[in-house]
């Protein structure tokens, strides 16, 4: 699963998204979601349980604003994890 950007998540099959989500820490995902377009967020949420979506949204609200550097770091880590899953 080669991803060049977070936007590429929208082109993944649901099973691939679920596999990726299983590898992510909740806080990392929460931070990463602060910097994605709505289509990516929808694709990820669609592949999470309703409770996980609710928890992620609650954490995001509680976290407040996050420095762009943290968001970019989370994006890079997610792309790295996706690449590992492909090998």
N, C-alpha and C. Protein backbone atom coordinates (compact mmCIF):
# COMPACT_ATOMS: atom_id res chain seq x y z
N UNK A 1 0.86 -1.16 0.00
CA UNK A 1 0.00 0.00 0.00
C UNK A 1 0.91 1.22 0.00
N UNK A 2 1.20 1.71 -1.18
CA UNK A 2 2.07 2.87 -1.33
C UNK A 2 1.22 4.13 -1.35
N UNK A 3 1.48 4.98 -0.38
CA UNK A 3 0.76 6.25 -0.29
C UNK A 3 1.77 7.38 -0.40
N UNK A 4 1.50 8.32 -1.28
CA UNK A 4 2.37 9.49 -1.41
C UNK A 4 1.89 10.64 -0.54
N UNK A 5 0.62 10.63 -0.21
CA UNK A 5 0.04 11.65 0.65
C UNK A 5 -1.18 11.05 1.36
N UNK A 6 -1.65 11.75 2.35
CA UNK A 6 -2.84 11.28 3.07
C UNK A 6 -4.05 11.21 2.14
N UNK A 7 -4.09 12.04 1.12
CA UNK A 7 -5.21 12.02 0.17
C UNK A 7 -5.33 10.68 -0.54
N UNK A 8 -4.21 9.96 -0.67
CA UNK A 8 -4.23 8.67 -1.35
C UNK A 8 -5.03 7.62 -0.59
N UNK A 9 -5.32 7.87 0.67
CA UNK A 9 -6.12 6.92 1.45
C UNK A 9 -7.49 6.70 0.80
N UNK A 10 -8.01 7.73 0.14
CA UNK A 10 -9.34 7.60 -0.48
C UNK A 10 -9.35 6.56 -1.59
N UNK A 11 -8.18 6.23 -2.15
CA UNK A 11 -8.14 5.26 -3.24
C UNK A 11 -7.94 3.82 -2.75
N UNK A 12 -7.77 3.65 -1.45
CA UNK A 12 -7.56 2.31 -0.90
C UNK A 12 -8.88 1.55 -0.78
N UNK A 13 -8.76 0.24 -0.84
CA UNK A 13 -9.91 -0.62 -0.56
C UNK A 13 -10.20 -0.53 0.94
N UNK A 14 -11.45 -0.76 1.32
CA UNK A 14 -11.82 -0.69 2.74
C UNK A 14 -10.98 -1.62 3.60
N UNK A 15 -10.68 -2.83 3.11
CA UNK A 15 -9.88 -3.78 3.88
C UNK A 15 -8.49 -3.23 4.14
N UNK A 16 -7.93 -2.51 3.18
CA UNK A 16 -6.60 -1.91 3.36
C UNK A 16 -6.66 -0.80 4.41
N UNK A 17 -7.71 -0.02 4.37
CA UNK A 17 -7.88 1.05 5.35
C UNK A 17 -8.00 0.45 6.75
N UNK A 18 -8.77 -0.60 6.88
CA UNK A 18 -8.95 -1.25 8.18
C UNK A 18 -7.63 -1.81 8.70
N UNK A 19 -6.84 -2.39 7.81
CA UNK A 19 -5.54 -2.91 8.19
C UNK A 19 -4.64 -1.78 8.69
N UNK A 20 -4.65 -0.67 7.99
CA UNK A 20 -3.86 0.49 8.39
C UNK A 20 -4.33 1.03 9.74
N UNK A 21 -5.63 1.15 9.91
CA UNK A 21 -6.17 1.67 11.17
C UNK A 21 -5.78 0.82 12.36
N UNK A 22 -5.71 -0.49 12.17
CA UNK A 22 -5.33 -1.38 13.26
C UNK A 22 -3.91 -1.13 13.75
N UNK A 23 -3.07 -0.58 12.87
CA UNK A 23 -1.68 -0.34 13.21
C UNK A 23 -1.43 1.03 13.86
N UNK A 24 -2.43 1.88 13.86
CA UNK A 24 -2.24 3.25 14.32
C UNK A 24 -2.61 3.43 15.79
N UNK A 25 -1.86 4.29 16.45
CA UNK A 25 -2.21 4.73 17.80
C UNK A 25 -3.35 5.74 17.68
N UNK A 26 -4.26 5.72 18.64
CA UNK A 26 -5.42 6.61 18.60
C UNK A 26 -5.00 8.08 18.58
N UNK A 27 -4.02 8.45 19.40
CA UNK A 27 -3.59 9.85 19.43
C UNK A 27 -2.97 10.28 18.10
N UNK A 28 -2.21 9.38 17.49
CA UNK A 28 -1.59 9.70 16.20
C UNK A 28 -2.67 9.93 15.14
N UNK A 29 -3.66 9.07 15.11
CA UNK A 29 -4.76 9.23 14.17
C UNK A 29 -5.50 10.53 14.42
N UNK A 30 -5.76 10.82 15.68
CA UNK A 30 -6.49 12.04 16.03
C UNK A 30 -5.75 13.28 15.55
N UNK A 31 -4.45 13.32 15.77
CA UNK A 31 -3.66 14.46 15.30
C UNK A 31 -3.65 14.52 13.79
N UNK A 32 -3.47 13.39 13.14
CA UNK A 32 -3.41 13.36 11.67
C UNK A 32 -4.72 13.84 11.05
N UNK A 33 -5.83 13.52 11.68
CA UNK A 33 -7.13 13.91 11.12
C UNK A 33 -7.34 15.42 11.11
N UNK A 34 -6.59 16.12 11.94
CA UNK A 34 -6.73 17.58 11.98
C UNK A 34 -6.24 18.24 10.69
N UNK A 35 -5.48 17.51 9.90
CA UNK A 35 -4.94 18.11 8.69
C UNK A 35 -5.31 17.41 7.40
N UNK A 36 -6.44 16.71 7.38
CA UNK A 36 -6.84 16.01 6.16
C UNK A 36 -8.11 16.61 5.59
N UNK A 37 -8.31 16.35 4.30
CA UNK A 37 -9.54 16.85 3.68
C UNK A 37 -10.72 15.98 4.10
N UNK A 38 -11.93 16.49 3.93
CA UNK A 38 -13.12 15.75 4.39
C UNK A 38 -13.28 14.36 3.77
N UNK A 39 -12.82 14.18 2.54
CA UNK A 39 -12.96 12.87 1.90
C UNK A 39 -12.11 11.81 2.61
N UNK A 40 -10.91 12.20 3.01
CA UNK A 40 -10.03 11.27 3.73
C UNK A 40 -10.65 10.94 5.09
N UNK A 41 -11.12 11.96 5.78
CA UNK A 41 -11.74 11.75 7.08
C UNK A 41 -12.95 10.81 6.95
N UNK A 42 -13.75 11.02 5.94
CA UNK A 42 -14.93 10.18 5.72
C UNK A 42 -14.52 8.73 5.46
N UNK A 43 -13.48 8.53 4.64
CA UNK A 43 -13.01 7.18 4.32
C UNK A 43 -12.53 6.47 5.60
N UNK A 44 -11.79 7.19 6.42
CA UNK A 44 -11.30 6.59 7.66
C UNK A 44 -12.44 6.29 8.62
N UNK A 45 -13.32 7.25 8.82
CA UNK A 45 -14.44 7.05 9.73
C UNK A 45 -15.35 5.91 9.28
N UNK A 46 -15.52 5.77 7.98
CA UNK A 46 -16.36 4.70 7.44
C UNK A 46 -15.82 3.32 7.81
N UNK A 47 -14.52 3.25 8.05
CA UNK A 47 -13.89 1.97 8.35
C UNK A 47 -13.59 1.79 9.84
N UNK A 48 -14.18 2.64 10.66
CA UNK A 48 -14.04 2.53 12.11
C UNK A 48 -15.40 2.22 12.72
N UNK A 49 -15.38 1.66 13.90
CA UNK A 49 -16.64 1.41 14.59
C UNK A 49 -17.23 2.76 15.02
N UNK A 50 -18.54 2.82 15.18
CA UNK A 50 -19.16 4.07 15.64
C UNK A 50 -18.55 4.57 16.95
N UNK A 51 -18.24 3.66 17.85
CA UNK A 51 -17.64 4.06 19.14
C UNK A 51 -16.24 4.64 18.93
N UNK A 52 -15.45 4.04 18.05
CA UNK A 52 -14.11 4.55 17.78
C UNK A 52 -14.17 5.93 17.14
N UNK A 53 -15.13 6.14 16.25
CA UNK A 53 -15.30 7.46 15.64
C UNK A 53 -15.65 8.47 16.71
N UNK A 54 -16.57 8.12 17.58
CA UNK A 54 -16.99 9.02 18.66
C UNK A 54 -15.81 9.38 19.56
N UNK A 55 -15.03 8.36 19.95
CA UNK A 55 -13.86 8.60 20.81
C UNK A 55 -12.84 9.49 20.12
N UNK A 56 -12.64 9.27 18.84
CA UNK A 56 -11.67 10.07 18.08
C UNK A 56 -12.12 11.52 18.02
N UNK A 57 -13.39 11.74 17.78
CA UNK A 57 -13.92 13.11 17.73
C UNK A 57 -13.82 13.78 19.09
N UNK A 58 -14.12 13.04 20.16
CA UNK A 58 -14.01 13.59 21.51
C UNK A 58 -12.56 13.98 21.83
N UNK A 59 -11.63 13.10 21.48
CA UNK A 59 -10.21 13.39 21.71
C UNK A 59 -9.77 14.61 20.92
N UNK A 60 -10.25 14.70 19.69
CA UNK A 60 -9.88 15.84 18.84
C UNK A 60 -10.36 17.15 19.46
N UNK A 61 -11.59 17.15 19.93
CA UNK A 61 -12.14 18.35 20.58
C UNK A 61 -11.35 18.70 21.83
N UNK A 62 -11.02 17.70 22.63
CA UNK A 62 -10.29 17.93 23.87
C UNK A 62 -8.85 18.40 23.60
N UNK A 63 -8.29 17.95 22.49
CA UNK A 63 -6.92 18.27 22.14
C UNK A 63 -6.78 19.73 21.70
N UNK A 64 -7.82 20.25 21.10
CA UNK A 64 -7.76 21.63 20.61
C UNK A 64 -6.81 21.76 19.43
N UNK A 65 -6.27 22.96 19.27
CA UNK A 65 -5.36 23.24 18.16
C UNK A 65 -4.05 22.48 18.36
N UNK A 66 -3.52 22.00 17.25
CA UNK A 66 -2.27 21.24 17.25
C UNK A 66 -1.31 21.92 16.28
N UNK A 67 -0.04 22.06 16.66
CA UNK A 67 0.92 22.68 15.74
C UNK A 67 1.01 21.89 14.43
N UNK A 68 1.15 22.62 13.35
CA UNK A 68 1.21 21.98 12.02
C UNK A 68 2.36 20.97 11.95
N UNK A 69 3.42 21.21 12.67
CA UNK A 69 4.55 20.28 12.67
C UNK A 69 4.12 18.92 13.21
N UNK A 70 3.27 18.92 14.22
CA UNK A 70 2.77 17.67 14.79
C UNK A 70 1.87 16.94 13.81
N UNK A 71 1.05 17.69 13.11
CA UNK A 71 0.16 17.10 12.11
C UNK A 71 1.00 16.48 10.99
N UNK A 72 1.98 17.22 10.50
CA UNK A 72 2.83 16.71 9.42
C UNK A 72 3.62 15.48 9.86
N UNK A 73 4.08 15.47 11.11
CA UNK A 73 4.79 14.31 11.65
C UNK A 73 3.88 13.09 11.70
N UNK A 74 2.64 13.29 12.12
CA UNK A 74 1.68 12.19 12.15
C UNK A 74 1.38 11.67 10.75
N UNK A 75 1.23 12.58 9.80
CA UNK A 75 1.00 12.17 8.41
C UNK A 75 2.16 11.32 7.92
N UNK A 76 3.38 11.79 8.15
CA UNK A 76 4.57 11.06 7.69
C UNK A 76 4.64 9.68 8.33
N UNK A 77 4.31 9.58 9.60
CA UNK A 77 4.36 8.29 10.27
C UNK A 77 3.30 7.34 9.72
N UNK A 78 2.12 7.85 9.43
CA UNK A 78 1.06 7.00 8.85
C UNK A 78 1.48 6.50 7.47
N UNK A 79 2.09 7.36 6.68
CA UNK A 79 2.56 6.95 5.35
C UNK A 79 3.66 5.89 5.48
N UNK A 80 4.52 6.04 6.47
CA UNK A 80 5.58 5.07 6.72
C UNK A 80 4.99 3.71 7.13
N UNK A 81 3.99 3.74 8.01
CA UNK A 81 3.33 2.50 8.44
C UNK A 81 2.66 1.82 7.25
N UNK A 82 2.01 2.61 6.41
CA UNK A 82 1.35 2.05 5.22
C UNK A 82 2.37 1.37 4.31
N UNK A 83 3.53 1.98 4.15
CA UNK A 83 4.57 1.41 3.30
C UNK A 83 5.07 0.09 3.89
N UNK A 84 5.21 0.02 5.21
CA UNK A 84 5.64 -1.21 5.86
C UNK A 84 4.62 -2.34 5.64
N UNK A 85 3.37 -1.99 5.67
CA UNK A 85 2.32 -2.99 5.49
C UNK A 85 2.36 -3.58 4.08
N UNK A 86 2.87 -2.81 3.15
CA UNK A 86 2.93 -3.24 1.76
C UNK A 86 4.11 -4.18 1.49
N UNK A 87 5.09 -4.14 2.37
CA UNK A 87 6.29 -4.95 2.11
C UNK A 87 6.21 -6.33 2.71
